[in-house]
């Protein structure tokens, strides 16, 4: 398997620049996830690595090769798309091996690779079925199997779970995680807008916004040490609460607490708020989400801001009732430009 290095990569569609000088280094064998809101450029970036979009500036290297001008079929990548794109008239076995046969691979070698991929993906009992006889999750596994048999240097996944229902998304996500373990040393790049997928799958996450990289890091690093308000609000579910500070102080109690110099915003996650009768954050409950092992209590503050807190089940909070919270967990401070102030949170 190979590393993937993007150096000052840019992409223009006419006069519009959609990728604005991106630098990313993905090590050999790493599972890297590109995550960000719709329109941030993550799928375009993936297609540039695959060779399906021309590169307007900068360099893409796979292994030790600069691949800017190399045809997609010769880059050593295999791509799994959001749509399965299976041949409806072919069996699972034929779908998985068709590309190899078209490239002149001997039939016995094709069968050996297909059988191996079917074993890894638990598709042995479905090889004679056609796509219409498969579930959505099984069809996506066939599409993944078609990539496996090619033995690529790099696997590319473009939002492969988007067309599955919630239960199948979870199951197939686990299958992809297991696949990375089974295919030892495989380099995988995965695009999603779902930060839960990103957190659970990735060795490394690249957070993108408006064609630029906002932060790169391990999942827990991004969760615990976001570089800016955008990353803090995007990574984590529910999103982080943000409170405006006034003159570097926390103004929501009778005795305002001093924060770091230059701090304009305080961020606190839902589990950093605790129900407290004398807590400074007072408001009215709007919604209570019961999740079995926890509750998410949404409340509107006395000044009209919507916040959310995580509580143990049985809090007895009800929509329309008054409630008060205290800060009990780690907080994050941000300056006027939305950048994190390190080592300054109380």
Protein backbone atom coordinates (compact mmCIF):
# COMPACT_ATOMS: atom_id res chain seq x y z
CA UNK A 1 0.00 0.00 0.00
CA UNK A 2 1.05 3.62 -0.47
CA UNK A 3 0.98 7.01 1.16
CA UNK A 4 -0.97 9.89 -0.38
CA UNK A 5 0.44 13.42 -0.27
CA UNK A 6 -1.42 16.53 -1.42
CA UNK A 7 0.72 19.65 -1.77
CA UNK A 8 -0.98 23.03 -2.26
CA UNK A 9 -3.71 21.35 -4.32
CA UNK A 10 -6.20 23.65 -6.04
CA UNK A 11 -9.24 23.15 -8.20
CA UNK A 12 -11.01 25.74 -10.34
CA UNK A 13 -14.32 25.40 -12.15
CA UNK A 14 -14.05 28.32 -14.54
CA UNK A 15 -13.50 31.46 -12.46
CA UNK A 16 -14.63 29.74 -9.24
CA UNK A 17 -11.95 28.23 -7.02
CA UNK A 18 -13.45 25.34 -5.02
CA UNK A 19 -10.24 23.83 -3.58
CA UNK A 20 -8.01 26.58 -2.23
CA UNK A 21 -4.52 25.27 -1.62
CA UNK A 22 -4.87 22.04 0.40
CA UNK A 23 -1.95 20.24 2.07
CA UNK A 24 -2.60 16.73 3.43
CA UNK A 25 -0.19 13.90 4.23
CA UNK A 26 -1.78 10.45 4.56
CA UNK A 27 0.60 7.75 5.73
CA UNK A 28 0.75 4.26 4.29
CA UNK A 29 -1.90 2.06 5.93
CA UNK A 30 -3.81 4.98 7.44
CA UNK A 31 -7.60 5.30 7.46
CA UNK A 32 -8.18 8.99 6.72
CA UNK A 33 -11.63 10.57 6.66
CA UNK A 34 -12.49 13.82 4.88
CA UNK A 35 -15.42 15.40 6.70
CA UNK A 36 -17.25 18.67 6.36
CA UNK A 37 -20.58 20.23 5.38
CA UNK A 38 -22.10 19.91 1.92
CA UNK A 39 -20.18 21.95 -0.64
CA UNK A 40 -16.91 22.05 1.32
CA UNK A 41 -14.99 20.25 -1.48
CA UNK A 42 -14.41 16.84 0.12
CA UNK A 43 -15.76 14.76 -2.79
CA UNK A 44 -13.99 16.96 -5.33
CA UNK A 45 -10.74 16.38 -3.46
CA UNK A 46 -11.31 12.62 -3.50
CA UNK A 47 -12.03 12.66 -7.23
CA UNK A 48 -8.81 14.59 -7.84
CA UNK A 49 -6.86 11.85 -6.03
CA UNK A 50 -8.66 9.23 -8.14
CA UNK A 51 -7.95 11.10 -11.37
CA UNK A 52 -11.62 11.76 -12.12
CA UNK A 53 -11.10 15.54 -11.84
CA UNK A 54 -8.20 17.49 -13.28
CA UNK A 55 -5.89 19.29 -10.84
CA UNK A 56 -5.74 23.06 -11.39
CA UNK A 57 -2.67 23.59 -9.20
CA UNK A 58 -0.34 21.83 -6.80
CA UNK A 59 0.64 18.17 -6.74
CA UNK A 60 -0.90 14.81 -5.81
CA UNK A 61 1.51 11.96 -5.07
CA UNK A 62 0.61 8.33 -4.47
CA UNK A 63 3.58 6.50 -3.06
CA UNK A 64 6.61 8.04 -4.70
CA UNK A 65 4.78 8.97 -7.91
CA UNK A 66 3.45 12.37 -8.86
CA UNK A 67 0.14 11.41 -10.46
CA UNK A 68 -1.23 14.73 -11.71
CA UNK A 69 -0.97 13.65 -15.35
CA UNK A 70 -1.42 9.89 -14.89
CA UNK A 71 -4.66 8.32 -16.11
CA UNK A 72 -7.14 7.27 -13.43
CA UNK A 73 -6.85 3.61 -14.43
CA UNK A 74 -3.11 3.64 -13.75
CA UNK A 75 -3.02 5.42 -10.39
CA UNK A 76 -3.45 2.29 -8.31
CA UNK A 77 -6.68 3.45 -6.69
CA UNK A 78 -10.10 1.82 -6.43
CA UNK A 79 -13.20 3.86 -5.69
CA UNK A 80 -16.46 2.90 -3.99
CA UNK A 81 -19.24 5.33 -4.83
CA UNK A 82 -22.40 6.42 -3.05
CA UNK A 83 -24.43 4.53 -5.67
CA UNK A 84 -23.61 0.84 -6.03
CA UNK A 85 -23.39 0.93 -9.86
CA UNK A 86 -23.76 -2.85 -10.16
CA UNK A 87 -24.64 -4.56 -13.43
CA UNK A 88 -28.24 -5.76 -12.86
CA UNK A 89 -27.99 -8.67 -15.30
CA UNK A 90 -24.81 -10.10 -13.75
CA UNK A 91 -24.41 -12.27 -10.69
CA UNK A 92 -22.48 -11.10 -7.65
CA UNK A 93 -19.50 -13.18 -8.75
CA UNK A 94 -19.59 -11.72 -12.23
CA UNK A 95 -20.01 -8.16 -10.94
CA UNK A 96 -16.96 -8.49 -8.72
CA UNK A 97 -14.73 -10.06 -11.34
CA UNK A 98 -15.87 -8.29 -14.51
CA UNK A 99 -13.28 -5.52 -14.39
CA UNK A 100 -10.43 -7.98 -13.99
CA UNK A 101 -11.68 -10.06 -16.92
CA UNK A 102 -11.86 -6.96 -19.10
CA UNK A 103 -8.22 -6.22 -18.20
CA UNK A 104 -7.14 -9.65 -19.36
CA UNK A 105 -6.61 -11.28 -15.95
CA UNK A 106 -6.68 -15.10 -16.27
CA UNK A 107 -10.00 -16.64 -15.26
CA UNK A 108 -8.53 -18.82 -12.51
CA UNK A 109 -6.87 -15.77 -10.94
CA UNK A 110 -10.13 -13.82 -11.16
CA UNK A 111 -11.98 -16.63 -9.40
CA UNK A 112 -9.34 -16.83 -6.68
CA UNK A 113 -9.54 -13.09 -5.99
CA UNK A 114 -13.35 -13.04 -6.07
CA UNK A 115 -13.56 -15.99 -3.68
CA UNK A 116 -11.11 -14.28 -1.32
CA UNK A 117 -13.07 -11.01 -1.37
CA UNK A 118 -16.36 -12.90 -0.87
CA UNK A 119 -14.90 -14.62 2.19
CA UNK A 120 -13.71 -11.31 3.69
CA UNK A 121 -17.10 -9.67 3.06
CA UNK A 122 -19.17 -12.75 3.97
CA UNK A 123 -20.71 -12.96 0.51
CA UNK A 124 -19.93 -16.63 -0.22
CA UNK A 125 -23.62 -17.60 -0.13
CA UNK A 126 -24.64 -14.83 -2.52
CA UNK A 127 -22.23 -15.28 -5.42
CA UNK A 128 -24.91 -16.68 -7.75
CA UNK A 129 -27.49 -14.02 -6.91
CA UNK A 130 -28.18 -10.94 -8.97
CA UNK A 131 -28.31 -7.44 -7.39
CA UNK A 132 -32.12 -7.32 -7.26
CA UNK A 133 -32.06 -10.27 -4.84
CA UNK A 134 -29.75 -8.45 -2.39
CA UNK A 135 -30.35 -5.95 0.40
CA UNK A 136 -28.85 -2.47 0.22
CA UNK A 137 -26.08 -3.43 2.61
CA UNK A 138 -25.23 -6.54 0.57
CA UNK A 139 -25.10 -4.53 -2.64
CA UNK A 140 -22.69 -2.07 -1.05
CA UNK A 141 -20.50 -4.99 0.08
CA UNK A 142 -20.45 -6.24 -3.51
CA UNK A 143 -19.30 -2.78 -4.63
CA UNK A 144 -16.56 -2.90 -1.98
CA UNK A 145 -15.62 -6.41 -3.12
CA UNK A 146 -15.23 -5.13 -6.68
CA UNK A 147 -12.64 -2.70 -5.30
CA UNK A 148 -10.87 -5.35 -3.20
CA UNK A 149 -10.26 -7.71 -6.13
CA UNK A 150 -8.30 -4.99 -7.91
CA UNK A 151 -5.76 -4.94 -5.05
CA UNK A 152 -5.31 -1.19 -5.22
CA UNK A 153 -2.65 0.86 -3.48
CA UNK A 154 -5.37 3.14 -2.09
CA UNK A 155 -9.08 2.57 -1.43
CA UNK A 156 -11.32 5.61 -1.95
CA UNK A 157 -14.84 5.75 -0.47
CA UNK A 158 -17.22 8.53 -1.53
CA UNK A 159 -20.05 8.63 1.05
CA UNK A 160 -20.72 4.90 0.59
CA UNK A 161 -23.37 4.64 3.31
CA UNK A 162 -25.58 7.57 2.33
CA UNK A 163 -28.21 5.42 0.60
CA UNK A 164 -28.61 2.98 3.50
CA UNK A 165 -31.12 3.18 6.33
CA UNK A 166 -29.90 3.87 9.87
CA UNK A 167 -29.52 0.22 10.94
CA UNK A 168 -27.68 -0.77 7.77
CA UNK A 169 -25.41 2.28 8.02
CA UNK A 170 -24.22 1.17 11.43
CA UNK A 171 -23.74 -2.44 10.33
CA UNK A 172 -21.90 -1.54 7.12
CA UNK A 173 -19.75 1.02 8.96
CA UNK A 174 -18.57 -1.79 11.23
CA UNK A 175 -17.87 -3.95 8.17
CA UNK A 176 -15.66 -1.23 6.68
CA UNK A 177 -13.78 -0.85 9.97
CA UNK A 178 -13.18 -4.61 10.09
CA UNK A 179 -12.12 -4.55 6.44
CA UNK A 180 -9.34 -2.07 7.20
CA UNK A 181 -8.05 -4.44 9.88
CA UNK A 182 -8.31 -7.52 7.65
CA UNK A 183 -6.58 -5.87 4.69
CA UNK A 184 -3.40 -5.21 6.63
CA UNK A 185 -1.58 -2.07 5.59
CA UNK A 186 -4.42 -0.82 3.36
CA UNK A 187 -4.54 2.92 2.86
CA UNK A 188 -8.13 4.15 2.88
CA UNK A 189 -9.58 7.61 2.26
CA UNK A 190 -13.23 8.02 3.15
CA UNK A 191 -15.52 10.98 2.48
CA UNK A 192 -18.57 11.71 4.62
CA UNK A 193 -20.62 14.62 5.95
CA UNK A 194 -21.47 12.51 9.03
CA UNK A 195 -19.07 13.35 11.86
CA UNK A 196 -20.14 10.19 13.77
CA UNK A 197 -18.84 8.08 10.87
CA UNK A 198 -15.66 10.12 10.87
CA UNK A 199 -15.09 9.72 14.62
CA UNK A 200 -15.72 5.96 14.64
CA UNK A 201 -13.76 4.99 11.51
CA UNK A 202 -10.77 7.28 11.22
CA UNK A 203 -7.15 7.10 12.29
CA UNK A 204 -6.96 10.68 11.03
CA UNK A 205 -9.69 13.22 10.27
CA UNK A 206 -9.40 16.13 7.85
CA UNK A 207 -12.05 18.77 8.57
CA UNK A 208 -12.82 20.85 5.47
CA UNK A 209 -14.78 24.04 4.98
CA UNK A 210 -15.16 26.12 1.84
CA UNK A 211 -12.31 24.36 0.04
CA UNK A 212 -9.81 24.76 2.89
CA UNK A 213 -8.51 22.52 5.67
CA UNK A 214 -9.70 23.71 9.08
CA UNK A 215 -7.88 21.05 11.13
CA UNK A 216 -6.21 17.65 10.77
CA UNK A 217 -5.82 15.24 13.65
CA UNK A 218 -6.87 12.10 15.47
CA UNK A 219 -10.60 11.89 16.30
CA UNK A 220 -10.20 12.53 20.04
CA UNK A 221 -7.71 15.35 19.43
CA UNK A 222 -10.28 17.18 17.31
CA UNK A 223 -12.99 16.53 19.87
CA UNK A 224 -10.95 17.59 22.88
CA UNK A 225 -8.72 20.27 21.33
CA UNK A 226 -10.51 21.92 18.40
CA UNK A 227 -8.50 24.67 16.73
CA UNK A 228 -11.48 26.94 16.18
CA UNK A 229 -15.20 27.42 16.69
CA UNK A 230 -16.07 25.74 13.38
CA UNK A 231 -14.33 22.47 14.29
CA UNK A 232 -15.65 22.64 17.86
CA UNK A 233 -19.20 22.97 16.55
CA UNK A 234 -18.88 20.40 13.78
CA UNK A 235 -17.18 17.56 15.67
CA UNK A 236 -19.34 16.07 18.41
CA UNK A 237 -23.04 15.27 18.68
CA UNK A 238 -24.93 17.23 19.81
CA UNK A 239 -22.86 20.23 18.78
CA UNK A 240 -20.96 22.26 21.36
CA UNK A 241 -22.77 25.07 23.17
CA UNK A 242 -21.29 28.56 22.68
CA UNK A 243 -21.75 31.43 25.13
CA UNK A 244 -20.76 35.02 24.49
CA UNK A 245 -18.31 36.52 26.97
CA UNK A 246 -18.30 40.19 27.88
CA UNK A 247 -14.99 41.93 28.50
CA UNK A 248 -13.29 38.57 29.05
CA UNK A 249 -15.70 37.52 31.80
CA UNK A 250 -18.48 34.94 32.16
CA UNK A 251 -21.43 37.26 32.77
CA UNK A 252 -24.24 34.80 33.48
CA UNK A 253 -24.01 34.78 37.29
CA UNK A 254 -24.21 37.35 40.07
CA UNK A 255 -20.41 37.23 40.35
CA UNK A 256 -18.96 37.21 36.81
CA UNK A 257 -15.96 34.88 36.43
CA UNK A 258 -12.83 36.21 34.73
CA UNK A 259 -11.67 34.24 31.70
CA UNK A 260 -8.50 34.51 29.59
CA UNK A 261 -7.49 37.85 28.14
CA UNK A 262 -8.97 38.23 24.68
CA UNK A 263 -11.58 35.50 25.16
CA UNK A 264 -14.85 36.32 23.39
CA UNK A 265 -16.66 32.96 23.36
CA UNK A 266 -16.88 30.07 25.81
CA UNK A 267 -17.67 26.62 24.49
CA UNK A 268 -18.98 23.75 26.59
CA UNK A 269 -20.24 20.36 25.47
CA UNK A 270 -23.57 18.95 26.56
CA UNK A 271 -21.95 16.71 29.18
CA UNK A 272 -20.24 19.76 30.69
CA UNK A 273 -23.55 21.14 32.00
CA UNK A 274 -25.12 19.73 35.16
CA UNK A 275 -28.59 20.40 36.54
CA UNK A 276 -28.11 22.65 39.58
CA UNK A 277 -30.73 24.62 41.47
CA UNK A 278 -28.39 27.56 41.94
CA UNK A 279 -26.62 27.26 38.56
CA UNK A 280 -26.02 30.48 36.58
CA UNK A 281 -27.53 29.19 33.32
CA UNK A 282 -31.27 29.49 33.82
CA UNK A 283 -34.03 28.91 31.34
CA UNK A 284 -37.02 26.88 30.24
CA UNK A 285 -36.95 23.30 28.96
CA UNK A 286 -38.06 23.05 25.33
CA UNK A 287 -37.40 19.37 24.44
CA UNK A 288 -36.17 16.30 26.30
CA UNK A 289 -34.67 13.51 24.15
CA UNK A 290 -34.79 10.14 25.90
CA UNK A 291 -31.99 7.85 24.69
CA UNK A 292 -32.29 5.13 27.32
CA UNK A 293 -28.84 5.50 28.87
CA UNK A 294 -29.00 9.31 28.84
CA UNK A 295 -31.18 12.34 28.25
CA UNK A 296 -30.49 15.41 26.16
CA UNK A 297 -32.24 18.40 27.68
CA UNK A 298 -32.73 21.32 25.30
CA UNK A 299 -33.54 24.58 27.00
CA UNK A 300 -33.96 28.23 26.12
CA UNK A 301 -32.07 30.62 28.34
CA UNK A 302 -33.58 33.72 29.89
CA UNK A 303 -31.88 35.77 27.14
CA UNK A 304 -33.28 33.58 24.35
CA UNK A 305 -30.37 31.27 23.46
CA UNK A 306 -30.97 27.57 22.80
CA UNK A 307 -28.55 25.26 24.66
CA UNK A 308 -28.38 21.50 25.27
CA UNK A 309 -27.21 19.49 28.26
CA UNK A 310 -26.65 15.77 28.75
CA UNK A 311 -28.13 14.23 31.87
CA UNK A 312 -28.51 10.80 33.41
CA UNK A 313 -31.95 9.25 32.76
CA UNK A 314 -34.63 10.19 35.25
CA UNK A 315 -33.92 13.89 35.54
CA UNK A 316 -37.69 14.57 35.50
CA UNK A 317 -37.11 17.59 33.24
CA UNK A 318 -40.23 18.38 31.21
CA UNK A 319 -40.95 20.75 28.35
CA UNK A 320 -42.11 24.09 29.70
CA UNK A 321 -40.57 23.68 33.15
CA UNK A 322 -37.88 26.02 34.54
CA UNK A 323 -34.36 24.64 34.89
CA UNK A 324 -30.86 25.79 35.88
CA UNK A 325 -27.42 24.44 35.01
CA UNK A 326 -23.88 24.88 36.27
CA UNK A 327 -20.66 24.45 34.29
CA UNK A 328 -19.21 21.12 35.45
CA UNK A 329 -16.99 19.95 32.62
CA UNK A 330 -14.15 21.17 30.48
CA UNK A 331 -14.70 24.48 28.75
CA UNK A 332 -13.08 25.92 25.61
CA UNK A 333 -12.25 29.57 24.98
CA UNK A 334 -12.12 31.31 21.60
CA UNK A 335 -10.94 34.76 20.60
CA UNK A 336 -12.70 37.34 18.43
CA UNK A 337 -11.60 35.48 15.27
CA UNK A 338 -13.01 32.19 16.52
CA UNK A 339 -9.56 30.69 17.18
CA UNK A 340 -8.98 28.53 20.25
CA UNK A 341 -7.13 30.02 23.23
CA UNK A 342 -4.97 27.15 24.46
CA UNK A 343 -4.29 26.26 28.09
CA UNK A 344 -6.56 29.01 29.27
CA UNK A 345 -9.86 27.30 29.94
CA UNK A 346 -10.90 27.34 33.60
